[in-house]
Amino acid sequence: MDEEKNKRPQRVAETSGFFQEISIEFLIHELKDPIAVIETGLRTVLEKQDRYGPLTAKQANTLMRSLRNTRKAWGILNNLLEIGRSEAGCLACRRFTPVNALYNALKDALETVTGPAPEVIGKYQIEAELIKLLNSHGIFVHIPPGTAAVEMFQDETKFRQIAGNLFKNALHHRRQRIDVRMDIHGDRLVLAVKDDGRGVEPEHHDLIFKRYTRLKECDLVERKGHGLGLAGSLILARSLGGDIQVTSRKGEGATFCLTLPLQLKEAG
């Protein structure tokens, strides 16, 4: 009888965790359709003004802002899906060039956080032009010669999500400048994202990667969000055989360093 009583809390916890996971998946599934309808409606009004009537500049700006936030909602749903897949051990690995994935993640983050229109961002396909755009927004990319040709065998979707979350975090907290450095150390890729924001003392570093953290002393997780971006990025990085470390002190900005194996041997 006592043994049965002792097992009961564990069963309750397991059942609670199971239903929490199912409810999140159900929520994501149910939100997809209405968000898709909203996005389609906004794009239709913006792109087919000959059919639905011309828009004033103020109306167009309002609709573009709504469209950007709709895409943010898509990003949140995709983040949650990828985190869930990572925790379940679901990976989709293939060969890709991390430098190209890096630039695409930067463009997505820039569009989401600072607001250049997608059609504006889409014009910057040549690397030299894209670098000028990034520099104009205070983002400076450092890639040593030879690194651009390197390929990796990893889950590209998850890699782009991690990189995008690190970029968006830096954009939120920087004062003026962000430095992004990608390099290859042996059989591992190293991506460092440095901002010049207010930073955080070392004793609070562990809190940065905890979900739902809201601590005033920790400026990096003080925002209105729930701290899911960085926490989710760490889950994704570790599912890919890597890790994320932070270096920061109050008043000295923060550097997030992602390391990943170029070849995910456990991908079978």
Protein backbone atom coordinates (compact mmCIF):
# COMPACT_ATOMS: atom_id res chain seq x y z
CA MET A 1 0.00 0.00 0.00
CA ASP A 2 2.79 2.44 0.92
CA GLU A 3 4.64 1.53 -2.25
CA GLU A 4 1.54 2.29 -4.30
CA LYS A 5 1.18 5.69 -2.59
CA ASN A 6 4.80 6.51 -3.37
CA LYS A 7 4.30 5.71 -7.06
CA ARG A 8 1.18 7.85 -7.35
CA PRO A 9 2.92 11.30 -7.45
CA GLN A 10 5.30 10.04 -10.14
CA ARG A 11 2.36 8.82 -12.26
CA VAL A 12 0.56 12.14 -11.80
CA ALA A 13 3.69 14.02 -12.88
CA GLU A 14 4.16 11.79 -15.94
CA THR A 15 0.50 12.14 -16.90
CA SER A 16 0.63 15.90 -16.43
CA GLY A 17 3.73 16.14 -18.61
CA PHE A 18 2.11 13.99 -21.31
CA PHE A 19 -1.06 16.09 -21.46
CA GLN A 20 0.99 19.31 -21.39
CA GLU A 21 2.94 18.09 -24.43
CA ILE A 22 -0.25 17.06 -26.24
CA SER A 23 -1.97 20.36 -25.44
CA ILE A 24 0.97 22.35 -26.86
CA GLU A 25 0.96 20.30 -30.07
CA PHE A 26 -2.82 20.70 -30.34
CA LEU A 27 -2.53 24.46 -29.80
CA ILE A 28 0.12 24.78 -32.50
CA HIS A 29 -1.97 22.71 -34.91
CA GLU A 30 -5.11 24.76 -34.27
CA LEU A 31 -3.31 28.10 -34.64
CA LYS A 32 -1.77 27.31 -38.01
CA ASP A 33 -4.92 27.73 -40.10
CA PRO A 34 -6.15 31.08 -38.70
CA ILE A 35 -2.66 32.57 -38.92
CA ALA A 36 -2.36 31.37 -42.53
CA VAL A 37 -5.72 32.99 -43.35
CA ILE A 38 -4.64 36.29 -41.76
CA GLU A 39 -1.34 36.29 -43.66
CA THR A 40 -3.03 35.50 -46.97
CA GLY A 41 -5.62 38.23 -46.45
CA LEU A 42 -3.01 40.86 -45.63
CA ARG A 43 -0.85 39.95 -48.60
CA THR A 44 -3.86 39.96 -50.93
CA VAL A 45 -4.90 43.49 -49.94
CA LEU A 46 -1.31 44.73 -50.21
CA GLU A 47 -0.38 43.03 -53.47
CA LYS A 48 -3.65 43.30 -55.41
CA GLN A 49 -4.63 46.91 -55.01
CA ASP A 50 -5.84 46.96 -58.62
CA ARG A 51 -8.61 44.58 -57.56
CA TYR A 52 -9.34 45.71 -54.00
CA GLY A 53 -8.61 49.41 -54.32
CA PRO A 54 -5.57 51.64 -53.69
CA LEU A 55 -4.15 52.14 -50.20
CA THR A 56 -2.85 55.29 -48.62
CA ALA A 57 0.73 55.25 -47.35
CA LYS A 58 -0.53 55.08 -43.75
CA GLN A 59 -2.85 52.17 -44.54
CA ALA A 60 -0.08 50.28 -46.34
CA ASN A 61 2.33 50.79 -43.43
CA THR A 62 -0.28 49.55 -40.96
CA LEU A 63 -0.95 46.43 -43.04
CA MET A 64 2.79 45.79 -43.46
CA ARG A 65 3.26 46.00 -39.72
CA SER A 66 0.40 43.53 -39.25
CA LEU A 67 1.95 41.21 -41.83
CA ARG A 68 5.35 41.33 -40.09
CA ASN A 69 3.75 40.43 -36.78
CA THR A 70 1.82 37.61 -38.42
CA ARG A 71 5.14 36.24 -39.64
CA LYS A 72 6.50 36.60 -36.11
CA ALA A 73 3.63 34.41 -34.93
CA TRP A 74 4.59 31.84 -37.59
CA GLY A 75 8.15 31.98 -36.29
CA ILE A 76 7.01 31.34 -32.72
CA LEU A 77 4.96 28.32 -33.80
CA ASN A 78 7.85 26.92 -35.81
CA ASN A 79 10.21 27.45 -32.88
CA LEU A 80 7.91 25.50 -30.58
CA LEU A 81 7.57 22.72 -33.15
CA GLU A 82 11.33 22.38 -33.62
CA ILE A 83 11.96 22.36 -29.88
CA GLY A 84 9.37 19.61 -29.45
CA ARG A 85 10.90 17.60 -32.28
CA SER A 86 14.37 18.00 -30.80
CA GLU A 87 13.24 16.79 -27.39
CA ALA A 88 11.63 13.81 -29.15
CA GLY A 89 14.88 13.10 -31.03
CA CYS A 90 13.48 14.01 -34.49
CA LEU A 91 16.20 15.39 -36.78
CA ALA A 92 16.26 16.07 -40.53
CA CYS A 93 19.94 16.22 -41.43
CA ARG A 94 21.43 17.02 -44.82
CA ARG A 95 24.48 18.70 -46.29
CA PHE A 96 24.38 22.49 -46.48
CA THR A 97 26.68 25.51 -46.41
CA PRO A 98 26.49 27.15 -42.96
CA VAL A 99 27.57 30.56 -44.27
CA ASN A 100 24.53 30.73 -46.58
CA ALA A 101 22.29 29.59 -43.73
CA LEU A 102 23.88 32.25 -41.52
CA TYR A 103 23.07 35.07 -43.94
CA ASN A 104 19.49 33.84 -44.40
CA ALA A 105 19.01 33.72 -40.62
CA LEU A 106 20.40 37.25 -40.36
CA LYS A 107 17.98 38.53 -43.01
CA ASP A 108 15.03 36.87 -41.25
CA ALA A 109 16.03 38.30 -37.87
CA LEU A 110 16.56 41.77 -39.30
CA GLU A 111 13.14 41.73 -40.97
CA THR A 112 11.44 40.46 -37.79
CA VAL A 113 13.05 42.84 -35.30
CA THR A 114 13.87 46.06 -37.14
CA GLY A 115 11.13 45.94 -39.77
CA PRO A 116 12.53 46.28 -43.33
CA ALA A 117 9.81 45.05 -45.66
CA PRO A 118 10.24 41.49 -47.00
CA GLU A 119 10.41 42.78 -50.58
CA VAL A 120 13.25 45.11 -49.55
CA ILE A 121 15.15 42.34 -47.79
CA GLY A 122 14.54 40.02 -50.74
CA LYS A 123 16.44 42.31 -53.10
CA TYR A 124 19.72 41.65 -51.30
CA GLN A 125 20.80 38.35 -52.82
CA ILE A 126 24.44 39.20 -53.59
CA GLU A 127 26.66 38.81 -50.53
CA ALA A 128 28.44 42.16 -50.96
CA GLU A 129 25.12 44.02 -51.12
CA LEU A 130 23.77 42.12 -48.13
CA ILE A 131 26.86 43.01 -46.11
CA LYS A 132 26.23 46.70 -46.86
CA LEU A 133 22.63 46.34 -45.68
CA LEU A 134 23.72 44.61 -42.46
CA ASN A 135 26.43 47.21 -41.82
CA SER A 136 23.89 50.00 -42.24
CA HIS A 137 21.96 48.39 -39.37
CA GLY A 138 25.05 48.09 -37.16
CA ILE A 139 25.62 44.37 -37.86
CA PHE A 140 29.15 43.32 -38.81
CA VAL A 141 29.91 39.77 -39.99
CA HIS A 142 33.42 38.31 -39.73
CA ILE A 143 34.12 35.12 -41.71
CA PRO A 144 37.74 34.00 -42.26
CA PRO A 145 38.80 33.07 -45.82
CA GLY A 146 38.04 29.44 -46.61
CA THR A 147 35.15 29.13 -44.20
CA ALA A 148 32.58 30.10 -46.84
CA ALA A 149 33.20 26.87 -48.76
CA VAL A 150 32.79 24.58 -45.74
CA GLU A 151 29.82 22.21 -45.68
CA MET A 152 28.23 20.54 -42.68
CA PHE A 153 25.91 17.59 -42.22
CA GLN A 154 23.33 18.80 -39.73
CA ASP A 155 19.70 19.81 -39.35
CA GLU A 156 19.71 23.11 -41.27
CA THR A 157 16.27 24.20 -40.04
CA LYS A 158 17.33 23.89 -36.41
CA PHE A 159 20.69 25.56 -37.11
CA ARG A 160 18.93 28.55 -38.68
CA GLN A 161 16.52 28.72 -35.77
CA ILE A 162 19.33 28.78 -33.21
CA ALA A 163 21.26 31.40 -35.14
CA GLY A 164 18.11 33.48 -35.68
CA ASN A 165 17.29 33.44 -31.96
CA LEU A 166 20.82 34.57 -31.08
CA PHE A 167 20.62 37.37 -33.65
CA LYS A 168 17.20 38.55 -32.48
CA ASN A 169 18.36 38.54 -28.87
CA ALA A 170 21.37 40.66 -29.82
CA LEU A 171 19.18 43.07 -31.83
CA HIS A 172 16.88 43.53 -28.85
CA HIS A 173 19.70 44.33 -26.41
CA ARG A 174 22.44 46.05 -28.42
CA ARG A 175 23.08 49.75 -28.06
CA GLN A 176 24.61 50.33 -31.49
CA ARG A 177 26.59 47.35 -32.72
CA ILE A 178 26.49 43.57 -33.19
CA ASP A 179 29.50 41.49 -34.24
CA VAL A 180 28.91 38.04 -35.72
CA ARG A 181 31.87 35.71 -36.19
CA MET A 182 31.79 32.25 -37.76
CA ASP A 183 34.85 30.00 -37.78
CA ILE A 184 35.85 26.35 -37.98
CA HIS A 185 37.84 24.82 -35.13
CA GLY A 186 38.84 21.28 -36.05
CA ASP A 187 35.64 19.31 -36.65
CA ARG A 188 33.36 21.90 -35.07
CA LEU A 189 31.70 25.08 -36.23
CA VAL A 190 31.83 28.04 -33.86
CA LEU A 191 29.37 30.94 -34.16
CA ALA A 192 29.81 33.90 -31.80
CA VAL A 193 27.24 36.71 -31.59
CA LYS A 194 28.36 39.75 -29.59
CA ASP A 195 26.29 42.81 -28.66
CA ASP A 196 27.26 46.03 -26.89
CA GLY A 197 24.23 46.09 -24.59
CA ARG A 198 24.01 46.35 -20.81
CA GLY A 199 25.09 42.76 -20.21
CA VAL A 200 24.53 40.66 -17.11
CA GLU A 201 26.67 39.58 -14.18
CA PRO A 202 28.11 36.01 -14.25
CA GLU A 203 26.02 34.84 -11.28
CA HIS A 204 22.89 35.26 -13.42
CA HIS A 205 24.17 33.46 -16.54
CA ASP A 206 22.36 30.20 -15.77
CA LEU A 207 19.03 32.05 -15.63
CA ILE A 208 19.42 33.19 -19.23
CA PHE A 209 18.69 29.69 -20.51
CA LYS A 210 15.78 28.92 -18.19
CA ARG A 211 12.27 29.04 -19.63
CA TYR A 212 9.84 31.57 -18.11
CA THR A 213 12.61 33.43 -16.27
CA ARG A 214 11.67 36.98 -15.30
CA LEU A 215 14.37 38.53 -13.16
CA LYS A 216 15.05 42.25 -13.03
CA GLU A 217 18.74 41.76 -12.27
CA CYS A 218 19.10 39.71 -15.47
CA ASP A 219 18.63 42.18 -18.30
CA LEU A 220 18.92 39.53 -21.00
CA VAL A 221 15.72 37.82 -19.84
CA GLU A 222 13.88 40.87 -18.55
CA ARG A 223 11.88 41.48 -21.71
CA LYS A 224 8.13 40.96 -22.11
CA GLY A 225 8.70 37.49 -23.56
CA HIS A 226 8.98 34.29 -21.59
CA GLY A 227 12.66 33.55 -22.23
CA LEU A 228 11.78 30.74 -24.64
CA GLY A 229 14.11 31.86 -27.44
CA LEU A 230 17.41 31.30 -25.67
CA ALA A 231 16.13 28.35 -23.65
CA GLY A 232 14.85 26.72 -26.81
CA SER A 233 18.11 27.45 -28.63
CA LEU A 234 20.06 25.58 -25.97
CA ILE A 235 17.73 22.57 -26.28
CA LEU A 236 18.16 22.61 -30.07
CA ALA A 237 21.95 23.02 -29.88
CA ARG A 238 22.34 20.07 -27.52
CA SER A 239 20.06 17.90 -29.66
CA LEU A 240 22.53 18.57 -32.50
CA GLY A 241 25.54 17.55 -30.40
CA GLY A 242 26.55 21.12 -29.57
CA ASP A 243 26.23 23.73 -26.85
CA ILE A 244 25.83 27.47 -26.21
CA GLN A 245 27.95 29.45 -23.76
CA VAL A 246 27.53 33.08 -22.71
CA THR A 247 30.24 35.55 -21.72
CA SER A 248 29.00 38.77 -20.16
CA ARG A 249 29.41 41.30 -17.40
CA LYS A 250 27.15 44.14 -16.38
CA GLY A 251 27.78 47.11 -18.63
CA GLU A 252 30.04 45.19 -21.03
CA GLY A 253 27.58 43.59 -23.44
CA ALA A 254 27.21 39.86 -24.03
CA THR A 255 28.67 37.23 -26.33
CA PHE A 256 26.77 34.02 -27.09
CA CYS A 257 28.94 31.28 -28.54
CA LEU A 258 27.37 28.33 -30.36
CA THR A 259 29.49 25.25 -31.08
CA LEU A 260 28.23 22.42 -33.31
CA PRO A 261 29.90 19.36 -34.84
CA LEU A 262 30.23 19.67 -38.61
CA GLN A 263 29.13 16.05 -38.92
CA LEU A 264 26.28 14.84 -36.72
CA LYS A 265 27.29 11.21 -36.33
CA GLU A 266 24.14 10.31 -34.40
CA ALA A 267 21.93 11.42 -37.26
CA GLY A 268 21.08 7.88 -38.39
